[in-house]
Amino acid sequence: VHAHFSNIGGLIPTASIRSAGVLVVLVGDILLDTENYEAEVTMQIDKRYQLPTDTLASILTSGLLGEQYVGLRPGAEEDMLKDGGAIKNSSSAVVLEEMIGKMISSKAEAP
């Protein structure tokens, strides 16, 4: 299966993919989708793990500055993702530098 993200931060191929903290597989390819200019992350999920079609894929960080990984939160749909399917719900990486920049600029604007 694959998912699109506007920002993957420092996610790398072979990063872990976890659901409820359990390792379900590793990230396969990461490519730039030149149609919408988003990162397309391919995940080779083990066949024994069935995920609903409304699963949420998020780029998360282990600890404050740890490795980044994909977290999968299954939804409630009865239909399951099929081989080659797409996870439609995604949440991009939180980039620490962007957060710090926003905080600094908001402080500078404050009287």
N, C-alpha and C. Protein backbone atom coordinates (compact mmCIF):
# COMPACT_ATOMS: atom_id res chain seq x y z
N VAL A 1 0.85 -1.18 0.00
CA VAL A 1 0.00 0.00 0.00
C VAL A 1 0.89 1.24 0.00
N HIS A 2 0.30 2.37 -0.30
CA HIS A 2 1.06 3.61 -0.28
C HIS A 2 0.22 4.75 0.30
N ALA A 3 0.92 5.81 0.71
CA ALA A 3 0.27 7.00 1.25
C ALA A 3 1.05 8.23 0.79
N HIS A 4 0.36 9.35 0.67
CA HIS A 4 0.99 10.61 0.28
C HIS A 4 1.08 11.54 1.49
N PHE A 5 2.20 12.26 1.57
CA PHE A 5 2.44 13.21 2.66
C PHE A 5 3.00 14.50 2.06
N SER A 6 2.58 15.64 2.60
CA SER A 6 3.14 16.91 2.12
C SER A 6 4.56 17.11 2.65
N ASN A 7 4.90 16.47 3.77
CA ASN A 7 6.25 16.57 4.32
C ASN A 7 6.55 15.30 5.11
N ILE A 8 7.63 14.62 4.75
CA ILE A 8 8.00 13.40 5.47
C ILE A 8 9.13 13.62 6.46
N GLY A 9 9.58 14.87 6.60
CA GLY A 9 10.66 15.15 7.54
C GLY A 9 11.89 14.33 7.22
N GLY A 10 12.41 13.61 8.19
CA GLY A 10 13.61 12.79 8.01
C GLY A 10 13.31 11.31 7.81
N LEU A 11 12.09 10.98 7.38
CA LEU A 11 11.74 9.58 7.16
C LEU A 11 12.63 8.99 6.07
N ILE A 12 13.12 7.79 6.28
CA ILE A 12 14.00 7.14 5.31
C ILE A 12 13.45 5.76 4.94
N PRO A 13 13.84 5.26 3.75
CA PRO A 13 13.49 3.87 3.44
C PRO A 13 14.05 2.97 4.55
N THR A 14 13.39 1.93 4.86
CA THR A 14 13.69 0.99 5.94
C THR A 14 13.27 1.51 7.32
N ALA A 15 12.66 2.70 7.40
CA ALA A 15 12.11 3.16 8.68
C ALA A 15 10.98 2.21 9.07
N SER A 16 10.70 2.14 10.36
CA SER A 16 9.67 1.21 10.80
C SER A 16 8.27 1.77 10.57
N ILE A 17 7.33 0.86 10.45
CA ILE A 17 5.91 1.17 10.37
C ILE A 17 5.27 0.44 11.53
N ARG A 18 4.56 1.19 12.38
CA ARG A 18 4.01 0.61 13.60
C ARG A 18 2.52 0.90 13.71
N SER A 19 1.81 -0.05 14.30
CA SER A 19 0.41 0.12 14.63
C SER A 19 0.26 -0.31 16.08
N ALA A 20 -0.27 0.57 16.92
CA ALA A 20 -0.38 0.32 18.37
C ALA A 20 0.98 0.01 18.98
N GLY A 21 2.04 0.58 18.39
CA GLY A 21 3.40 0.37 18.88
C GLY A 21 4.05 -0.90 18.39
N VAL A 22 3.31 -1.73 17.65
CA VAL A 22 3.83 -3.01 17.16
C VAL A 22 4.41 -2.82 15.76
N LEU A 23 5.61 -3.30 15.55
CA LEU A 23 6.24 -3.23 14.23
C LEU A 23 5.47 -4.12 13.26
N VAL A 24 4.92 -3.54 12.20
CA VAL A 24 4.18 -4.34 11.22
C VAL A 24 4.96 -4.52 9.93
N VAL A 25 5.93 -3.69 9.68
CA VAL A 25 6.79 -3.82 8.49
C VAL A 25 7.70 -2.60 8.42
N LEU A 26 8.44 -2.49 7.33
CA LEU A 26 9.33 -1.35 7.12
C LEU A 26 8.88 -0.56 5.89
N VAL A 27 9.28 0.71 5.85
CA VAL A 27 9.01 1.55 4.69
C VAL A 27 9.76 0.97 3.50
N GLY A 28 9.11 0.94 2.35
CA GLY A 28 9.76 0.50 1.11
C GLY A 28 10.37 1.72 0.42
N ASP A 29 9.77 2.14 -0.68
CA ASP A 29 10.26 3.28 -1.44
C ASP A 29 9.66 4.58 -0.95
N ILE A 30 10.41 5.66 -1.16
CA ILE A 30 9.92 7.01 -0.95
C ILE A 30 10.23 7.77 -2.24
N LEU A 31 9.19 8.25 -2.90
CA LEU A 31 9.35 8.96 -4.17
C LEU A 31 8.61 10.28 -4.12
N LEU A 32 8.98 11.20 -5.00
CA LEU A 32 8.24 12.45 -5.15
C LEU A 32 7.21 12.26 -6.24
N ASP A 33 5.95 12.41 -5.88
CA ASP A 33 4.86 12.34 -6.85
C ASP A 33 4.84 13.69 -7.57
N THR A 34 5.26 13.72 -8.84
CA THR A 34 5.39 14.98 -9.55
C THR A 34 4.05 15.53 -10.04
N GLU A 35 2.96 14.78 -9.85
CA GLU A 35 1.64 15.31 -10.19
C GLU A 35 1.17 16.30 -9.15
N ASN A 36 1.33 15.95 -7.88
CA ASN A 36 0.86 16.83 -6.81
C ASN A 36 1.99 17.31 -5.90
N TYR A 37 3.23 16.95 -6.22
CA TYR A 37 4.42 17.36 -5.47
C TYR A 37 4.33 17.02 -3.99
N GLU A 38 3.93 15.79 -3.75
CA GLU A 38 3.93 15.24 -2.40
C GLU A 38 4.80 13.99 -2.39
N ALA A 39 5.26 13.64 -1.19
CA ALA A 39 6.04 12.41 -1.05
C ALA A 39 5.10 11.21 -1.07
N GLU A 40 5.44 10.21 -1.85
CA GLU A 40 4.67 8.97 -1.88
C GLU A 40 5.50 7.90 -1.17
N VAL A 41 4.95 7.39 -0.09
CA VAL A 41 5.64 6.38 0.73
C VAL A 41 4.98 5.03 0.48
N THR A 42 5.78 4.07 0.04
CA THR A 42 5.29 2.72 -0.20
C THR A 42 5.60 1.85 1.01
N MET A 43 4.59 1.09 1.45
CA MET A 43 4.73 0.23 2.63
C MET A 43 4.41 -1.20 2.24
N GLN A 44 5.30 -2.10 2.55
CA GLN A 44 5.14 -3.52 2.25
C GLN A 44 4.58 -4.21 3.49
N ILE A 45 3.30 -4.05 3.73
CA ILE A 45 2.68 -4.56 4.96
C ILE A 45 2.46 -6.06 4.88
N ASP A 46 2.86 -6.75 5.94
CA ASP A 46 2.72 -8.20 6.04
C ASP A 46 1.25 -8.58 5.84
N LYS A 47 1.00 -9.63 5.07
CA LYS A 47 -0.36 -10.08 4.73
C LYS A 47 -1.20 -10.43 5.96
N ARG A 48 -0.56 -10.79 7.07
CA ARG A 48 -1.34 -11.17 8.25
C ARG A 48 -1.98 -9.96 8.94
N TYR A 49 -1.56 -8.75 8.57
CA TYR A 49 -2.14 -7.54 9.14
C TYR A 49 -3.10 -6.91 8.13
N GLN A 50 -4.37 -6.93 8.44
CA GLN A 50 -5.40 -6.34 7.59
C GLN A 50 -5.75 -4.97 8.16
N LEU A 51 -5.75 -3.95 7.30
CA LEU A 51 -6.04 -2.59 7.74
C LEU A 51 -7.28 -2.06 7.05
N PRO A 52 -8.19 -1.42 7.79
CA PRO A 52 -9.38 -0.83 7.19
C PRO A 52 -9.02 0.27 6.19
N THR A 53 -9.93 0.52 5.24
CA THR A 53 -9.68 1.52 4.21
C THR A 53 -9.58 2.94 4.76
N ASP A 54 -10.09 3.19 5.97
CA ASP A 54 -10.00 4.52 6.56
C ASP A 54 -8.88 4.64 7.59
N THR A 55 -7.85 3.83 7.43
CA THR A 55 -6.67 3.89 8.31
C THR A 55 -5.98 5.25 8.15
N LEU A 56 -5.46 5.79 9.25
CA LEU A 56 -4.70 7.04 9.24
C LEU A 56 -3.22 6.70 9.32
N ALA A 57 -2.43 7.25 8.39
CA ALA A 57 -0.97 7.09 8.41
C ALA A 57 -0.36 8.42 8.83
N SER A 58 0.48 8.39 9.86
CA SER A 58 1.11 9.61 10.37
C SER A 58 2.62 9.43 10.43
N ILE A 59 3.35 10.50 10.15
CA ILE A 59 4.80 10.49 10.34
C ILE A 59 5.02 10.93 11.79
N LEU A 60 5.61 10.06 12.59
CA LEU A 60 5.83 10.31 14.01
C LEU A 60 7.31 10.24 14.33
N THR A 61 7.67 10.75 15.50
CA THR A 61 9.06 10.72 15.96
C THR A 61 9.14 9.95 17.26
N SER A 62 10.11 9.07 17.34
CA SER A 62 10.35 8.29 18.54
C SER A 62 11.10 9.18 19.54
N GLY A 63 10.43 9.58 20.61
CA GLY A 63 11.05 10.49 21.57
C GLY A 63 11.11 11.90 21.00
N LEU A 64 11.85 12.80 21.66
CA LEU A 64 11.91 14.19 21.24
C LEU A 64 12.68 14.37 19.94
N LEU A 65 13.83 13.74 19.82
CA LEU A 65 14.66 13.90 18.62
C LEU A 65 15.04 12.55 18.01
N GLY A 66 14.24 11.52 18.25
CA GLY A 66 14.56 10.18 17.79
C GLY A 66 14.25 9.97 16.31
N GLU A 67 14.31 8.72 15.91
CA GLU A 67 14.06 8.38 14.51
C GLU A 67 12.60 8.61 14.16
N GLN A 68 12.35 8.87 12.89
CA GLN A 68 10.98 9.03 12.44
C GLN A 68 10.48 7.71 11.88
N TYR A 69 9.18 7.48 12.06
CA TYR A 69 8.55 6.26 11.59
C TYR A 69 7.12 6.56 11.17
N VAL A 70 6.48 5.60 10.52
CA VAL A 70 5.08 5.75 10.12
C VAL A 70 4.22 5.03 11.15
N GLY A 71 3.27 5.76 11.71
CA GLY A 71 2.31 5.19 12.64
C GLY A 71 0.99 4.98 11.92
N LEU A 72 0.42 3.80 12.06
CA LEU A 72 -0.86 3.50 11.43
C LEU A 72 -1.93 3.36 12.51
N ARG A 73 -3.00 4.14 12.37
CA ARG A 73 -4.13 4.04 13.29
C ARG A 73 -5.33 3.54 12.49
N PRO A 74 -5.71 2.27 12.68
CA PRO A 74 -6.84 1.72 11.95
C PRO A 74 -8.13 2.48 12.24
N GLY A 75 -8.95 2.59 11.21
CA GLY A 75 -10.26 3.23 11.35
C GLY A 75 -11.32 2.20 11.69
N ALA A 76 -12.56 2.50 11.32
CA ALA A 76 -13.68 1.64 11.68
C ALA A 76 -14.37 1.00 10.48
N GLU A 77 -13.89 1.28 9.27
CA GLU A 77 -14.52 0.71 8.08
C GLU A 77 -14.41 -0.82 8.08
N GLU A 78 -15.38 -1.46 7.47
CA GLU A 78 -15.34 -2.92 7.37
C GLU A 78 -14.50 -3.37 6.18
N ASP A 79 -14.43 -2.54 5.13
CA ASP A 79 -13.62 -2.89 3.96
C ASP A 79 -12.14 -2.72 4.31
N MET A 80 -11.33 -3.67 3.83
CA MET A 80 -9.90 -3.64 4.11
C MET A 80 -9.11 -3.15 2.91
N LEU A 81 -7.93 -2.55 3.19
CA LEU A 81 -7.04 -2.13 2.11
C LEU A 81 -6.59 -3.35 1.34
N LYS A 82 -6.51 -3.20 0.04
CA LYS A 82 -6.05 -4.30 -0.81
C LYS A 82 -4.61 -4.04 -1.23
N ASP A 83 -3.94 -5.08 -1.68
CA ASP A 83 -2.58 -4.96 -2.17
C ASP A 83 -2.53 -3.89 -3.25
N GLY A 84 -1.62 -2.93 -3.11
CA GLY A 84 -1.51 -1.84 -4.07
C GLY A 84 -2.44 -0.68 -3.78
N GLY A 85 -3.25 -0.79 -2.71
CA GLY A 85 -4.21 0.25 -2.36
C GLY A 85 -3.54 1.49 -1.78
N ALA A 86 -4.35 2.51 -1.56
CA ALA A 86 -3.84 3.78 -1.05
C ALA A 86 -4.50 4.11 0.29
N ILE A 87 -3.69 4.57 1.22
CA ILE A 87 -4.20 5.12 2.47
C ILE A 87 -4.50 6.58 2.19
N LYS A 88 -5.76 6.95 2.27
CA LYS A 88 -6.20 8.31 1.91
C LYS A 88 -5.99 9.33 3.02
N ASN A 89 -6.01 8.88 4.27
CA ASN A 89 -5.86 9.78 5.41
C ASN A 89 -4.41 9.77 5.88
N SER A 90 -3.77 10.94 5.81
CA SER A 90 -2.38 11.00 6.25
C SER A 90 -2.12 12.30 7.01
N SER A 91 -1.14 12.24 7.87
CA SER A 91 -0.73 13.38 8.67
C SER A 91 0.78 13.51 8.53
N SER A 92 1.24 14.64 8.02
CA SER A 92 2.65 14.83 7.72
C SER A 92 3.49 15.02 8.98
N ALA A 93 4.80 15.00 8.78
CA ALA A 93 5.75 15.16 9.87
C ALA A 93 5.68 16.57 10.44
N VAL A 94 5.88 16.67 11.73
CA VAL A 94 6.04 17.97 12.38
C VAL A 94 7.53 18.28 12.34
N VAL A 95 7.88 19.36 11.67
CA VAL A 95 9.29 19.72 11.52
C VAL A 95 9.65 20.70 12.63
N LEU A 96 10.57 20.28 13.49
CA LEU A 96 10.94 21.05 14.67
C LEU A 96 11.41 22.46 14.30
N GLU A 97 12.18 22.58 13.24
CA GLU A 97 12.69 23.89 12.82
C GLU A 97 11.55 24.84 12.45
N GLU A 98 10.51 24.31 11.79
CA GLU A 98 9.36 25.14 11.42
C GLU A 98 8.61 25.60 12.67
N MET A 99 8.44 24.71 13.64
CA MET A 99 7.76 25.08 14.88
C MET A 99 8.52 26.17 15.63
N ILE A 100 9.84 26.03 15.70
CA ILE A 100 10.66 27.03 16.38
C ILE A 100 10.57 28.37 15.65
N GLY A 101 10.62 28.31 14.31
CA GLY A 101 10.51 29.53 13.52
C GLY A 101 9.19 30.24 13.74
N LYS A 102 8.10 29.50 13.82
CA LYS A 102 6.79 30.10 14.07
C LYS A 102 6.72 30.72 15.45
N MET A 103 7.32 30.05 16.44
CA MET A 103 7.32 30.60 17.80
C MET A 103 8.11 31.90 17.85
N ILE A 104 9.25 31.92 17.20
CA ILE A 104 10.10 33.11 17.22
C ILE A 104 9.39 34.27 16.52
N SER A 105 8.77 34.00 15.38
CA SER A 105 8.10 35.09 14.66
C SER A 105 6.87 35.59 15.42
N SER A 106 6.16 34.71 16.12
CA SER A 106 5.00 35.16 16.90
C SER A 106 5.44 35.98 18.11
N LYS A 107 6.59 35.64 18.69
CA LYS A 107 7.12 36.41 19.82
C LYS A 107 7.58 37.80 19.35
N ALA A 108 8.17 37.83 18.14
CA ALA A 108 8.64 39.11 17.60
C ALA A 108 7.47 40.04 17.28
N GLU A 109 6.33 39.48 16.90
CA GLU A 109 5.15 40.28 16.57
C GLU A 109 4.41 40.77 17.80
N ALA A 110 4.59 40.09 18.91
CA ALA A 110 3.89 40.47 20.16
C ALA A 110 4.44 41.79 20.69
N PRO A 111 3.56 42.65 21.26
CA PRO A 111 4.03 43.94 21.77
C PRO A 111 4.88 43.81 23.00
